[in-house]
Amino acid sequence: MSVVVSLADLPSAIDAQIGWCYLLTVSDDAEPRVVAIAPSWDPLGTFLSAEVGRRTAANVAARPKVSLVWPPATADGYSLIADGIGAVDGTIVRFEPTSAVLHRPAVGSPAS
């Protein structure tokens, strides 16, 4: 089950998650690439940015449609998934969100 998060509510939804997320990109050979980042908002709250490695920066520059995924803060919580457009300045990736959802885990609680 997914719950739509408005872009206006995205900053508070991010604050409710843990302090880092995964950046998902695609490489030149169409392989998925996932890296952990700790993005921060620009002063106006319109985009997130974080420093990344050269390969990740190259992936974003070549294929700017990327996603960020914040794991839930608790085992039974919701993950926050934001899709958007990335831009690169050196090794800094700037992410402008276009949509976001809170997504609950499909698996049940671990057996005791």
N, C-alpha and C. Protein backbone atom coordinates (compact mmCIF):
# COMPACT_ATOMS: atom_id res chain seq x y z
N MET A 1 0.84 -1.18 0.00
CA MET A 1 0.00 0.00 0.00
C MET A 1 0.88 1.24 0.00
N SER A 2 0.54 2.19 -0.81
CA SER A 2 1.27 3.45 -0.88
C SER A 2 0.37 4.62 -0.53
N VAL A 3 0.94 5.61 0.11
CA VAL A 3 0.24 6.83 0.46
C VAL A 3 0.97 7.98 -0.23
N VAL A 4 0.27 8.72 -1.07
CA VAL A 4 0.88 9.84 -1.78
C VAL A 4 1.30 10.92 -0.78
N VAL A 5 2.49 11.45 -0.97
CA VAL A 5 3.00 12.56 -0.17
C VAL A 5 3.09 13.77 -1.09
N SER A 6 2.42 14.85 -0.74
CA SER A 6 2.51 16.05 -1.57
C SER A 6 3.92 16.63 -1.47
N LEU A 7 4.33 17.33 -2.50
CA LEU A 7 5.66 17.93 -2.48
C LEU A 7 5.79 18.95 -1.35
N ALA A 8 4.68 19.61 -1.01
CA ALA A 8 4.70 20.56 0.11
C ALA A 8 4.95 19.85 1.44
N ASP A 9 4.50 18.60 1.56
CA ASP A 9 4.68 17.83 2.80
C ASP A 9 5.95 16.99 2.81
N LEU A 10 6.69 16.99 1.70
CA LEU A 10 7.88 16.14 1.60
C LEU A 10 8.94 16.46 2.67
N PRO A 11 9.26 17.73 2.95
CA PRO A 11 10.27 17.99 3.98
C PRO A 11 9.91 17.37 5.34
N SER A 12 8.67 17.48 5.76
CA SER A 12 8.30 16.89 7.05
C SER A 12 8.28 15.36 6.98
N ALA A 13 7.93 14.80 5.82
CA ALA A 13 7.97 13.35 5.67
C ALA A 13 9.41 12.85 5.76
N ILE A 14 10.35 13.59 5.18
CA ILE A 14 11.77 13.22 5.26
C ILE A 14 12.25 13.31 6.70
N ASP A 15 11.84 14.35 7.42
CA ASP A 15 12.24 14.51 8.81
C ASP A 15 11.79 13.35 9.69
N ALA A 16 10.69 12.69 9.30
CA ALA A 16 10.17 11.57 10.08
C ALA A 16 10.92 10.26 9.81
N GLN A 17 11.77 10.25 8.77
CA GLN A 17 12.54 9.06 8.42
C GLN A 17 13.91 9.13 9.11
N ILE A 18 14.75 8.14 8.82
CA ILE A 18 16.11 8.18 9.33
C ILE A 18 16.89 9.24 8.58
N GLY A 19 18.08 9.59 9.00
CA GLY A 19 18.80 10.73 8.46
C GLY A 19 19.54 10.53 7.16
N TRP A 20 19.32 9.44 6.46
CA TRP A 20 20.00 9.18 5.19
C TRP A 20 19.04 8.42 4.27
N CYS A 21 19.44 8.29 3.01
CA CYS A 21 18.59 7.57 2.06
C CYS A 21 19.47 6.89 1.01
N TYR A 22 18.85 6.12 0.15
CA TYR A 22 19.52 5.52 -0.99
C TYR A 22 19.20 6.32 -2.24
N LEU A 23 20.21 6.57 -3.06
CA LEU A 23 20.04 7.19 -4.37
C LEU A 23 20.14 6.07 -5.40
N LEU A 24 19.11 5.93 -6.23
CA LEU A 24 19.06 4.89 -7.24
C LEU A 24 19.29 5.51 -8.61
N THR A 25 20.30 4.99 -9.32
CA THR A 25 20.63 5.46 -10.67
C THR A 25 20.79 4.24 -11.57
N VAL A 26 21.04 4.51 -12.86
CA VAL A 26 21.27 3.45 -13.85
C VAL A 26 22.58 3.75 -14.56
N SER A 27 23.41 2.71 -14.70
CA SER A 27 24.73 2.87 -15.33
C SER A 27 24.63 2.84 -16.85
N ASP A 28 25.76 3.09 -17.53
CA ASP A 28 25.81 3.06 -18.99
C ASP A 28 25.41 1.71 -19.56
N ASP A 29 25.69 0.63 -18.83
CA ASP A 29 25.32 -0.71 -19.32
C ASP A 29 23.98 -1.18 -18.74
N ALA A 30 23.14 -0.22 -18.34
CA ALA A 30 21.77 -0.46 -17.87
C ALA A 30 21.70 -1.25 -16.57
N GLU A 31 22.77 -1.22 -15.79
CA GLU A 31 22.78 -1.88 -14.48
C GLU A 31 22.31 -0.88 -13.42
N PRO A 32 21.49 -1.33 -12.47
CA PRO A 32 21.10 -0.44 -11.39
C PRO A 32 22.28 -0.16 -10.47
N ARG A 33 22.32 1.02 -9.91
CA ARG A 33 23.36 1.40 -8.96
C ARG A 33 22.68 2.08 -7.79
N VAL A 34 23.03 1.65 -6.59
CA VAL A 34 22.42 2.18 -5.37
C VAL A 34 23.54 2.62 -4.44
N VAL A 35 23.45 3.86 -3.98
CA VAL A 35 24.43 4.37 -3.01
C VAL A 35 23.68 5.06 -1.88
N ALA A 36 24.25 5.02 -0.69
CA ALA A 36 23.67 5.72 0.46
C ALA A 36 24.21 7.14 0.49
N ILE A 37 23.30 8.09 0.70
CA ILE A 37 23.67 9.50 0.79
C ILE A 37 22.91 10.15 1.94
N ALA A 38 23.37 11.32 2.37
CA ALA A 38 22.69 12.10 3.40
C ALA A 38 22.39 13.48 2.80
N PRO A 39 21.32 13.59 2.03
CA PRO A 39 21.04 14.87 1.34
C PRO A 39 20.52 15.93 2.29
N SER A 40 20.70 17.18 1.87
CA SER A 40 20.15 18.30 2.64
C SER A 40 19.38 19.21 1.68
N TRP A 41 18.43 19.93 2.24
CA TRP A 41 17.61 20.86 1.44
C TRP A 41 18.38 22.14 1.17
N ASP A 42 18.10 22.75 0.02
CA ASP A 42 18.62 24.09 -0.26
C ASP A 42 17.87 25.07 0.64
N PRO A 43 18.35 26.30 0.80
CA PRO A 43 17.70 27.25 1.70
C PRO A 43 16.22 27.52 1.40
N LEU A 44 15.82 27.40 0.13
CA LEU A 44 14.41 27.65 -0.22
C LEU A 44 13.56 26.37 -0.15
N GLY A 45 14.18 25.23 0.08
CA GLY A 45 13.44 23.98 0.21
C GLY A 45 12.90 23.44 -1.10
N THR A 46 13.57 23.74 -2.22
CA THR A 46 13.08 23.28 -3.51
C THR A 46 13.83 22.05 -4.05
N PHE A 47 15.05 21.84 -3.58
CA PHE A 47 15.78 20.66 -4.02
C PHE A 47 16.69 20.15 -2.90
N LEU A 48 17.08 18.89 -3.03
CA LEU A 48 18.02 18.26 -2.11
C LEU A 48 19.36 18.12 -2.81
N SER A 49 20.44 18.13 -2.05
CA SER A 49 21.75 17.90 -2.67
C SER A 49 22.63 17.09 -1.74
N ALA A 50 23.58 16.39 -2.36
CA ALA A 50 24.53 15.58 -1.62
C ALA A 50 25.75 15.32 -2.48
N GLU A 51 26.87 15.07 -1.83
CA GLU A 51 28.08 14.70 -2.55
C GLU A 51 28.03 13.21 -2.86
N VAL A 52 28.46 12.86 -4.08
CA VAL A 52 28.48 11.46 -4.52
C VAL A 52 29.81 11.17 -5.21
N GLY A 53 30.04 9.92 -5.53
CA GLY A 53 31.24 9.53 -6.25
C GLY A 53 31.14 9.84 -7.73
N ARG A 54 32.26 9.66 -8.44
CA ARG A 54 32.32 9.98 -9.87
C ARG A 54 31.37 9.13 -10.70
N ARG A 55 31.29 7.83 -10.41
CA ARG A 55 30.41 6.95 -11.19
C ARG A 55 28.94 7.33 -11.02
N THR A 56 28.56 7.59 -9.79
CA THR A 56 27.17 7.99 -9.54
C THR A 56 26.87 9.32 -10.21
N ALA A 57 27.80 10.27 -10.12
CA ALA A 57 27.60 11.57 -10.78
C ALA A 57 27.45 11.39 -12.28
N ALA A 58 28.25 10.50 -12.87
CA ALA A 58 28.16 10.26 -14.32
C ALA A 58 26.81 9.63 -14.67
N ASN A 59 26.33 8.72 -13.84
CA ASN A 59 25.02 8.11 -14.09
C ASN A 59 23.91 9.15 -14.08
N VAL A 60 23.94 10.04 -13.09
CA VAL A 60 22.90 11.08 -12.98
C VAL A 60 22.99 12.04 -14.17
N ALA A 61 24.19 12.40 -14.56
CA ALA A 61 24.35 13.32 -15.69
C ALA A 61 23.79 12.70 -16.98
N ALA A 62 24.01 11.41 -17.18
CA ALA A 62 23.56 10.74 -18.41
C ALA A 62 22.09 10.38 -18.37
N ARG A 63 21.57 10.05 -17.20
CA ARG A 63 20.18 9.62 -17.04
C ARG A 63 19.61 10.30 -15.79
N PRO A 64 19.10 11.52 -15.93
CA PRO A 64 18.74 12.32 -14.76
C PRO A 64 17.48 11.91 -14.00
N LYS A 65 16.70 10.99 -14.54
CA LYS A 65 15.53 10.52 -13.77
C LYS A 65 16.04 9.52 -12.73
N VAL A 66 15.96 9.94 -11.45
CA VAL A 66 16.48 9.13 -10.36
C VAL A 66 15.46 9.06 -9.24
N SER A 67 15.73 8.18 -8.29
CA SER A 67 14.86 8.03 -7.12
C SER A 67 15.69 8.06 -5.86
N LEU A 68 15.06 8.54 -4.78
CA LEU A 68 15.62 8.48 -3.45
C LEU A 68 14.70 7.62 -2.60
N VAL A 69 15.27 6.74 -1.78
CA VAL A 69 14.47 5.88 -0.91
C VAL A 69 15.01 5.98 0.51
N TRP A 70 14.17 6.47 1.42
CA TRP A 70 14.50 6.53 2.84
C TRP A 70 13.92 5.30 3.51
N PRO A 71 14.73 4.46 4.12
CA PRO A 71 14.19 3.31 4.86
C PRO A 71 13.35 3.81 6.03
N PRO A 72 12.44 2.97 6.51
CA PRO A 72 11.63 3.40 7.64
C PRO A 72 12.47 3.55 8.91
N ALA A 73 12.02 4.42 9.79
CA ALA A 73 12.71 4.65 11.06
C ALA A 73 12.49 3.50 12.03
N THR A 74 11.43 2.72 11.82
CA THR A 74 11.13 1.56 12.66
C THR A 74 10.83 0.37 11.75
N ALA A 75 10.94 -0.82 12.30
CA ALA A 75 10.75 -2.04 11.51
C ALA A 75 9.36 -2.13 10.89
N ASP A 76 8.36 -1.56 11.52
CA ASP A 76 7.00 -1.63 10.98
C ASP A 76 6.57 -0.33 10.30
N GLY A 77 7.52 0.56 10.05
CA GLY A 77 7.22 1.85 9.44
C GLY A 77 7.15 1.80 7.93
N TYR A 78 6.93 2.94 7.36
CA TYR A 78 6.83 3.10 5.91
C TYR A 78 8.15 3.61 5.35
N SER A 79 8.56 3.11 4.19
CA SER A 79 9.67 3.69 3.45
C SER A 79 9.14 4.91 2.70
N LEU A 80 9.98 5.90 2.51
CA LEU A 80 9.62 7.08 1.74
C LEU A 80 10.36 7.00 0.41
N ILE A 81 9.62 7.04 -0.69
CA ILE A 81 10.21 6.95 -2.02
C ILE A 81 9.89 8.25 -2.76
N ALA A 82 10.94 8.92 -3.22
CA ALA A 82 10.75 10.16 -3.99
C ALA A 82 11.40 9.99 -5.36
N ASP A 83 10.64 10.26 -6.40
CA ASP A 83 11.16 10.27 -7.77
C ASP A 83 11.41 11.71 -8.16
N GLY A 84 12.37 11.91 -9.04
CA GLY A 84 12.64 13.28 -9.47
C GLY A 84 13.72 13.36 -10.52
N ILE A 85 14.20 14.56 -10.70
CA ILE A 85 15.20 14.86 -11.71
C ILE A 85 16.49 15.29 -11.01
N GLY A 86 17.57 14.66 -11.42
CA GLY A 86 18.87 14.99 -10.85
C GLY A 86 19.69 15.86 -11.79
N ALA A 87 20.56 16.64 -11.23
CA ALA A 87 21.53 17.45 -11.98
C ALA A 87 22.85 17.34 -11.24
N VAL A 88 23.94 17.52 -11.96
CA VAL A 88 25.27 17.31 -11.38
C VAL A 88 26.13 18.56 -11.53
N ASP A 89 26.84 18.89 -10.47
CA ASP A 89 27.87 19.94 -10.50
C ASP A 89 29.09 19.34 -9.83
N GLY A 90 30.02 18.82 -10.63
CA GLY A 90 31.18 18.12 -10.07
C GLY A 90 30.75 16.81 -9.44
N THR A 91 30.92 16.71 -8.13
CA THR A 91 30.46 15.50 -7.42
C THR A 91 29.26 15.80 -6.53
N ILE A 92 28.61 16.93 -6.77
CA ILE A 92 27.39 17.26 -6.04
C ILE A 92 26.20 16.97 -6.94
N VAL A 93 25.29 16.13 -6.42
CA VAL A 93 24.05 15.85 -7.13
C VAL A 93 22.95 16.68 -6.50
N ARG A 94 22.20 17.34 -7.35
CA ARG A 94 21.04 18.13 -6.94
C ARG A 94 19.81 17.35 -7.38
N PHE A 95 18.86 17.13 -6.48
CA PHE A 95 17.68 16.33 -6.75
C PHE A 95 16.44 17.19 -6.56
N GLU A 96 15.66 17.34 -7.65
CA GLU A 96 14.39 18.08 -7.57
C GLU A 96 13.26 17.06 -7.61
N PRO A 97 12.54 16.87 -6.50
CA PRO A 97 11.49 15.86 -6.47
C PRO A 97 10.30 16.23 -7.37
N THR A 98 9.73 15.20 -7.99
CA THR A 98 8.52 15.38 -8.80
C THR A 98 7.33 14.64 -8.21
N SER A 99 7.59 13.60 -7.41
CA SER A 99 6.51 12.86 -6.74
C SER A 99 7.10 12.08 -5.57
N ALA A 100 6.23 11.72 -4.63
CA ALA A 100 6.70 10.96 -3.48
C ALA A 100 5.56 10.13 -2.90
N VAL A 101 5.92 8.99 -2.34
CA VAL A 101 4.95 8.13 -1.66
C VAL A 101 5.59 7.54 -0.41
N LEU A 102 4.73 7.26 0.57
CA LEU A 102 5.12 6.42 1.69
C LEU A 102 4.65 5.02 1.33
N HIS A 103 5.55 4.05 1.46
CA HIS A 103 5.23 2.69 1.04
C HIS A 103 5.45 1.74 2.20
N ARG A 104 4.41 0.98 2.53
CA ARG A 104 4.54 0.05 3.65
C ARG A 104 5.19 -1.24 3.20
N PRO A 105 5.85 -1.92 4.12
CA PRO A 105 6.49 -3.17 3.74
C PRO A 105 5.46 -4.22 3.33
N ALA A 106 5.82 -5.01 2.35
CA ALA A 106 4.93 -6.08 1.88
C ALA A 106 5.05 -7.31 2.74
N VAL A 107 6.13 -7.41 3.50
CA VAL A 107 6.36 -8.59 4.34
C VAL A 107 5.81 -8.36 5.72
N GLY A 108 5.44 -9.45 6.38
CA GLY A 108 4.95 -9.37 7.75
C GLY A 108 6.08 -9.23 8.73
N SER A 109 5.73 -9.14 9.99
CA SER A 109 6.74 -9.05 11.04
C SER A 109 7.51 -10.36 11.12
N PRO A 110 8.78 -10.29 11.49
CA PRO A 110 9.56 -11.53 11.62
C PRO A 110 8.95 -12.43 12.68
N ALA A 111 9.06 -13.74 12.46
CA ALA A 111 8.54 -14.71 13.43
C ALA A 111 9.33 -14.63 14.73
N SER A 112 8.65 -14.83 15.83
CA SER A 112 9.35 -14.79 17.12
C SER A 112 10.01 -16.10 17.42
